[in-house]
Amino acid sequence: MGLAIGRDATVDHTAMPTGRVWLRALIRQAPESAARTLALRSQAGLASFAPTDGQISDYADHLQAGLAAETIQRLKRRIASIKTVRQPYPSFGGRTSETDADFFRRCSERLRHRHRAVTVWDFERLVLEAFPEIFKVKCLPHSSADGEPKAGDVALVVVPDVRALPSLEPRAGEVLMRRIGDYVSTALATPFATIHVIHPLYERIRVDARVAFRSGLDAGYYAGVLNQDLQRFLSPWAYADGEDIVFGGQIYRSEILAFMEGRDYVDYVTDFNLYHSQSSANADGVGTLTIGVDFFIRPDPTPPISAQATGMTIGDTFIVGRGVEVAVATKAQSILVSHIEHRITPINVGEETCFGVQTLGVGYMTISLDLEVSEPISGG
């Protein structure tokens, strides 16, 4: 993306420091409608790969994997006015030559959709064929830009290739999404359909537990290791090649607990809770959140909740999310992902004390576990 600064721009200001041209960006729609901004850099340019006439041994591998970040460090011909050269991101846009398997697949798909987007299958295959930088597409027929039912609209949920920029919540750029929308609307779909290209709705799963680690291990270090292992377990596609991104789905609390207890550096887990939260485009701030639905208050918060209480923070006193036994995706465009930071509280072995049963009564008993129901005794 480039910015064209008009000739009427001035470096003399009253509110801001002089000597510079100040820019201001504005998003007129909801912030969630655009991709997340990674960085703003000046003095940037695009470099294109131009192979020479000679044979390059790893040419196919280069087109497949691209150029890693920070590989380009200097110019081939030095320019005195340029002090340093940085390549903060990996290369993009490469595509290998078509193999026999790809050729037969493309021909078979062409015979089926005939370069026309009519069915859900047609939309998904045509977008994947034209845009190799897209990893997965899910077509939602009769759906608006919010994923809600709407006749005549089609929503395309796109997930970019996470190998280029690993992330737990990958989002395609606004320029790429606009290109996809224009391509489908003008060349493939009927003019009576309204095409929307949208981001997935990432619903985060967060673990809150107290963990005792094996004797002799550094609890602080292995709490971070367990946090990374939970991220790999809940979002394997962000770390391993070949793992698929699943729309929808569910995961049980017991599965995560069994995974944690199965780590060789974990002794036992206590006070385990699973929270399920989602980022909604309609959220207007804390005032729209509901206690017990959007966030939970931890037992016996310190300091206590009152009008004069200070020092209460979200993530410490408040856990944003919904405590669940099973986390289930709420919408068709939802993807369950790991939270970036799970709440792992290290404890010493033997620190936890079991006080026995705290609540008694028939209402807390289970048939066949706490009591047995027998047949009536006749003649008694």
Foldseek 3Di string as FASTA:
>chain_A
DDDDDDPPFAQDDDPDHGDDGDDDDDDPAFPQFFDDDDDDDPPDDDDDDDDDPDDDPCPQVCLVQFAAFQPDWADPDDDPVDDTDGGHFTDDDGDGDDDPVNVVVVVVLCVVQVLADDDQVNLFVVLCVVDVQWDGKGKDACADQQRHHHHQEIEIATFGQCSRPQDLFGDDGPVVQVVSLCCCCPRHYDVSHHYHYYYFWEKAKAKAWEFEWDPPDDQVVVLVVVLVVLQCVFRVSSPDPPDDFDFWDKDFPVVSLVVSCPDPGTDHIPPIWMFIATDHSPDDDPVPDDEQAQKHFDPPDPPDDDPPDDDDDDPRRIDGGHTDRMDTDDHRRYTYGYDNGHHYHYDHVPPDDDPPDPDDDPVPDDEPPRHDDDDDDPPD
